[in-house]
Every structure is written in structure tokens, then in C-alpha cells.
N, C-alpha and C. Protein backbone atom coordinates (compact mmCIF):
# COMPACT_ATOMS: atom_id res chain seq x y z
N MET A 1 -286.00 67.90 48.98
CA MET A 1 -285.09 66.94 49.58
C MET A 1 -285.70 66.42 50.88
N LYS A 2 -285.76 65.12 51.01
CA LYS A 2 -286.29 64.51 52.23
C LYS A 2 -285.16 64.30 53.22
N LEU A 3 -285.36 64.78 54.43
CA LEU A 3 -284.35 64.62 55.47
C LEU A 3 -284.60 63.34 56.24
N ARG A 4 -283.53 62.60 56.47
CA ARG A 4 -283.65 61.39 57.27
C ARG A 4 -283.72 61.76 58.74
N THR A 5 -284.35 60.93 59.53
CA THR A 5 -284.40 61.17 60.97
C THR A 5 -283.71 60.02 61.68
N PHE A 6 -283.02 60.35 62.75
CA PHE A 6 -282.26 59.38 63.54
C PHE A 6 -282.50 59.67 65.01
N PRO A 7 -282.18 58.74 65.87
CA PRO A 7 -282.29 59.02 67.30
C PRO A 7 -281.36 60.18 67.66
N GLU A 8 -281.84 61.08 68.47
CA GLU A 8 -281.07 62.27 68.82
C GLU A 8 -279.95 61.99 69.82
N SER A 9 -279.98 60.86 70.48
CA SER A 9 -279.05 60.62 71.58
C SER A 9 -277.59 60.63 71.15
N THR A 10 -277.28 60.38 69.88
CA THR A 10 -275.89 60.31 69.47
C THR A 10 -275.33 61.67 69.04
N VAL A 11 -276.17 62.67 68.87
CA VAL A 11 -275.70 63.99 68.46
C VAL A 11 -275.34 64.81 69.69
N ARG A 12 -274.11 65.33 69.70
CA ARG A 12 -273.68 66.20 70.79
C ARG A 12 -274.00 67.63 70.38
N HIS A 13 -275.18 68.08 70.71
CA HIS A 13 -275.65 69.39 70.27
C HIS A 13 -274.77 70.51 70.84
N GLY A 14 -274.63 71.56 70.03
CA GLY A 14 -273.85 72.72 70.46
C GLY A 14 -272.36 72.54 70.28
N THR A 15 -271.95 71.54 69.47
CA THR A 15 -270.53 71.28 69.24
C THR A 15 -270.28 71.19 67.74
N ILE A 16 -269.02 71.29 67.39
CA ILE A 16 -268.64 71.14 65.99
C ILE A 16 -268.89 69.71 65.54
N SER A 17 -268.60 68.74 66.39
CA SER A 17 -268.86 67.35 66.02
C SER A 17 -270.36 67.11 65.87
N GLY A 18 -271.17 67.80 66.66
CA GLY A 18 -272.61 67.70 66.51
C GLY A 18 -273.06 68.23 65.16
N HIS A 19 -272.47 69.35 64.73
CA HIS A 19 -272.78 69.92 63.42
C HIS A 19 -272.44 68.92 62.32
N ARG A 20 -271.27 68.30 62.41
CA ARG A 20 -270.85 67.32 61.41
C ARG A 20 -271.77 66.08 61.44
N GLU A 21 -272.16 65.66 62.63
CA GLU A 21 -273.05 64.50 62.75
C GLU A 21 -274.39 64.78 62.06
N HIS A 22 -274.93 65.97 62.27
CA HIS A 22 -276.16 66.35 61.57
C HIS A 22 -275.97 66.23 60.06
N GLN A 23 -274.86 66.76 59.56
CA GLN A 23 -274.61 66.73 58.12
C GLN A 23 -274.43 65.30 57.61
N ASP A 24 -273.71 64.49 58.36
CA ASP A 24 -273.51 63.10 57.96
C ASP A 24 -274.83 62.34 57.86
N ARG A 25 -275.77 62.73 58.70
CA ARG A 25 -277.08 62.08 58.70
C ARG A 25 -278.01 62.64 57.63
N GLY A 26 -277.59 63.70 56.96
CA GLY A 26 -278.44 64.33 55.96
C GLY A 26 -279.46 65.27 56.56
N GLU A 27 -279.20 65.72 57.79
CA GLU A 27 -280.11 66.62 58.49
C GLU A 27 -279.60 68.06 58.40
N LEU A 28 -280.50 69.00 58.60
CA LEU A 28 -280.08 70.38 58.79
C LEU A 28 -279.61 70.50 60.23
N PRO A 29 -278.44 71.10 60.46
CA PRO A 29 -277.95 71.24 61.84
C PRO A 29 -278.90 72.09 62.68
N CYS A 30 -279.02 71.75 63.95
CA CYS A 30 -279.85 72.53 64.86
C CYS A 30 -279.19 73.88 65.13
N ASP A 31 -279.92 74.79 65.76
CA ASP A 31 -279.40 76.14 66.01
C ASP A 31 -278.14 76.11 66.86
N ALA A 32 -278.12 75.26 67.89
CA ALA A 32 -276.95 75.20 68.78
C ALA A 32 -275.71 74.73 68.02
N CYS A 33 -275.87 73.74 67.16
CA CYS A 33 -274.73 73.23 66.40
C CYS A 33 -274.29 74.23 65.34
N THR A 34 -275.24 74.91 64.72
CA THR A 34 -274.91 75.94 63.73
C THR A 34 -274.13 77.08 64.39
N ARG A 35 -274.55 77.47 65.58
CA ARG A 35 -273.86 78.53 66.32
C ARG A 35 -272.43 78.09 66.68
N ALA A 36 -272.28 76.84 67.13
CA ALA A 36 -270.94 76.33 67.48
C ALA A 36 -270.03 76.34 66.26
N LYS A 37 -270.55 75.92 65.11
CA LYS A 37 -269.76 75.91 63.88
C LYS A 37 -269.38 77.32 63.46
N SER A 38 -270.31 78.27 63.57
CA SER A 38 -270.02 79.66 63.22
C SER A 38 -268.94 80.25 64.12
N GLU A 39 -269.02 79.96 65.41
CA GLU A 39 -268.00 80.46 66.34
C GLU A 39 -266.63 79.85 66.04
N TYR A 40 -266.62 78.56 65.72
CA TYR A 40 -265.38 77.87 65.36
C TYR A 40 -264.76 78.51 64.12
N ASP A 41 -265.59 78.73 63.09
CA ASP A 41 -265.09 79.33 61.86
C ASP A 41 -264.56 80.74 62.11
N ALA A 42 -265.25 81.50 62.96
CA ALA A 42 -264.79 82.86 63.28
C ALA A 42 -263.44 82.83 63.98
N ARG A 43 -263.26 81.88 64.90
CA ARG A 43 -261.96 81.76 65.60
C ARG A 43 -260.86 81.41 64.61
N ARG A 44 -261.15 80.53 63.68
CA ARG A 44 -260.14 80.16 62.68
C ARG A 44 -259.78 81.34 61.79
N ARG A 45 -260.78 82.10 61.38
CA ARG A 45 -260.52 83.27 60.53
C ARG A 45 -259.76 84.36 61.28
N SER A 46 -259.95 84.44 62.58
CA SER A 46 -259.29 85.50 63.35
C SER A 46 -257.83 85.16 63.66
N ALA A 47 -257.41 83.94 63.42
CA ALA A 47 -256.03 83.53 63.70
C ALA A 47 -255.44 82.84 62.47
N PRO A 48 -255.32 83.56 61.35
CA PRO A 48 -254.86 82.91 60.12
C PRO A 48 -253.44 82.34 60.23
N GLU A 49 -252.57 82.99 61.00
CA GLU A 49 -251.20 82.50 61.14
C GLU A 49 -251.18 81.16 61.86
N GLN A 50 -251.98 81.05 62.91
CA GLN A 50 -252.05 79.78 63.65
C GLN A 50 -252.63 78.69 62.77
N THR A 51 -253.65 79.03 61.98
CA THR A 51 -254.26 78.06 61.07
C THR A 51 -253.25 77.63 60.02
N ARG A 52 -252.50 78.58 59.48
CA ARG A 52 -251.49 78.26 58.48
C ARG A 52 -250.44 77.30 59.04
N LYS A 53 -250.00 77.57 60.29
CA LYS A 53 -249.01 76.69 60.92
C LYS A 53 -249.58 75.30 61.15
N ALA A 54 -250.82 75.23 61.59
CA ALA A 54 -251.44 73.92 61.84
C ALA A 54 -251.51 73.11 60.55
N ARG A 55 -251.87 73.76 59.44
CA ARG A 55 -251.92 73.06 58.15
C ARG A 55 -250.53 72.61 57.74
N MET A 56 -249.54 73.47 57.97
CA MET A 56 -248.17 73.14 57.61
C MET A 56 -247.69 71.92 58.41
N TYR A 57 -247.97 71.90 59.72
CA TYR A 57 -247.55 70.77 60.55
C TYR A 57 -248.30 69.49 60.16
N ALA A 58 -249.57 69.60 59.83
CA ALA A 58 -250.34 68.43 59.39
C ALA A 58 -249.77 67.88 58.09
N ARG A 59 -249.37 68.78 57.18
CA ARG A 59 -248.77 68.35 55.92
C ARG A 59 -247.44 67.64 56.19
N ALA A 60 -246.64 68.18 57.10
CA ALA A 60 -245.35 67.56 57.44
C ALA A 60 -245.58 66.18 58.05
N GLN A 61 -246.60 66.06 58.92
CA GLN A 61 -246.90 64.77 59.53
C GLN A 61 -247.32 63.76 58.47
N GLY A 62 -248.16 64.18 57.55
CA GLY A 62 -248.60 63.30 56.47
C GLY A 62 -247.44 62.83 55.61
N ARG A 63 -246.53 63.73 55.31
CA ARG A 63 -245.37 63.36 54.50
C ARG A 63 -244.46 62.39 55.24
N ALA A 64 -244.29 62.62 56.55
CA ALA A 64 -243.45 61.72 57.35
C ALA A 64 -244.07 60.33 57.39
N LEU A 65 -245.39 60.25 57.57
CA LEU A 65 -246.06 58.95 57.58
C LEU A 65 -245.93 58.25 56.23
N ARG A 66 -246.07 59.02 55.15
CA ARG A 66 -245.91 58.45 53.80
C ARG A 66 -244.51 57.87 53.64
N ASP A 67 -243.49 58.63 54.07
CA ASP A 67 -242.12 58.16 53.95
C ASP A 67 -241.89 56.90 54.78
N LEU A 68 -242.44 56.87 56.00
CA LEU A 68 -242.30 55.67 56.83
C LEU A 68 -242.97 54.46 56.19
N ARG A 69 -244.15 54.67 55.60
CA ARG A 69 -244.84 53.56 54.92
C ARG A 69 -244.00 53.05 53.76
N GLN A 70 -243.36 53.96 53.03
CA GLN A 70 -242.54 53.54 51.89
C GLN A 70 -241.30 52.78 52.35
N ARG A 71 -240.70 53.21 53.42
CA ARG A 71 -239.46 52.59 53.89
C ARG A 71 -239.71 51.31 54.68
N HIS A 72 -240.83 51.25 55.38
CA HIS A 72 -241.13 50.11 56.25
C HIS A 72 -242.54 49.60 55.97
N GLY A 73 -242.84 49.35 54.70
CA GLY A 73 -244.19 49.00 54.26
C GLY A 73 -244.77 47.78 54.94
N GLU A 74 -244.00 46.70 55.03
CA GLU A 74 -244.52 45.47 55.64
C GLU A 74 -244.82 45.67 57.11
N GLU A 75 -243.91 46.34 57.81
CA GLU A 75 -244.11 46.59 59.24
C GLU A 75 -245.31 47.50 59.45
N TYR A 76 -245.46 48.52 58.61
CA TYR A 76 -246.60 49.43 58.71
C TYR A 76 -247.91 48.67 58.48
N ALA A 77 -247.94 47.83 57.46
CA ALA A 77 -249.16 47.07 57.16
C ALA A 77 -249.53 46.16 58.32
N LEU A 78 -248.54 45.54 58.94
CA LEU A 78 -248.80 44.66 60.08
C LEU A 78 -249.35 45.47 61.27
N LEU A 79 -248.71 46.58 61.58
CA LEU A 79 -249.19 47.42 62.68
C LEU A 79 -250.60 47.93 62.41
N TYR A 80 -250.86 48.36 61.18
CA TYR A 80 -252.18 48.87 60.82
C TYR A 80 -253.24 47.78 61.00
N ALA A 81 -252.94 46.57 60.54
CA ALA A 81 -253.88 45.46 60.69
C ALA A 81 -254.13 45.13 62.16
N GLN A 82 -253.09 45.18 62.97
CA GLN A 82 -253.25 44.90 64.40
C GLN A 82 -254.14 45.94 65.07
N HIS A 83 -253.93 47.20 64.74
CA HIS A 83 -254.75 48.26 65.33
C HIS A 83 -256.20 48.18 64.85
N LYS A 84 -256.40 47.87 63.59
CA LYS A 84 -257.77 47.71 63.08
C LYS A 84 -258.47 46.57 63.81
N GLN A 85 -257.78 45.48 64.00
CA GLN A 85 -258.36 44.32 64.69
C GLN A 85 -258.70 44.67 66.13
N ALA A 86 -257.80 45.37 66.80
CA ALA A 86 -258.04 45.75 68.20
C ALA A 86 -259.25 46.67 68.30
N LEU A 87 -259.37 47.61 67.38
CA LEU A 87 -260.53 48.51 67.40
C LEU A 87 -261.82 47.77 67.09
N ALA A 88 -261.76 46.82 66.19
CA ALA A 88 -262.95 46.03 65.84
C ALA A 88 -263.41 45.22 67.04
N GLU A 89 -262.48 44.72 67.83
CA GLU A 89 -262.83 43.94 69.02
C GLU A 89 -263.41 44.83 70.12
N GLU A 90 -263.00 46.11 70.16
CA GLU A 90 -263.52 47.04 71.17
C GLU A 90 -264.94 47.48 70.85
N THR A 91 -265.27 47.56 69.56
CA THR A 91 -266.56 48.07 69.12
C THR A 91 -267.65 47.03 69.36
N PRO A 92 -268.74 47.45 70.03
CA PRO A 92 -269.82 46.48 70.31
C PRO A 92 -270.56 46.07 69.06
């Protein structure tokens, strides 16, 4: 497998987002990012109740958003389009 190379300036080494950035680029994560991911996973495994609650709340949030989209579809679509446009204008 050939690994792609990219400028390093966008990777935040030693972080979970850095680990994900490496993966998104098709790279093997560096040692610092691998260590950060391992520590993150260990923290999650050591607090299963907190993780379970977080998943439960995320599921509830997703269901609430789904219900709002169903009840107020046109308004949701308009708001979504406005936010997408605003973000597109912010991005260089």
C-alpha cells in the first residue's frame, strides 16, 4: 500500500484529531497521535457507565432532531441552507 504524503502543518500531533487526520490522509499515525488515541480509548474503557450515558444522550438528541425535521421540515431546510451558506462564505 502506498501512503500519500501531505504537508504536516495541518496535523495536530499528539491529539485524537491528529490521529484521525492521519487516517483520513491514508497515513500511518505518528507515535504521538497513536499514544493519544490509546490513552483516549483507555479512558473510555475505564468509564463504561459514562460512555453509555453519552451514547444514550446522543441518541436522544438525534431522535429529537429527527422529530423536529419531520414536524418543521421547511423551516429546518431553510435554516440548514442558511447555515451552509454562512459557513461557505467563511471558508477561504
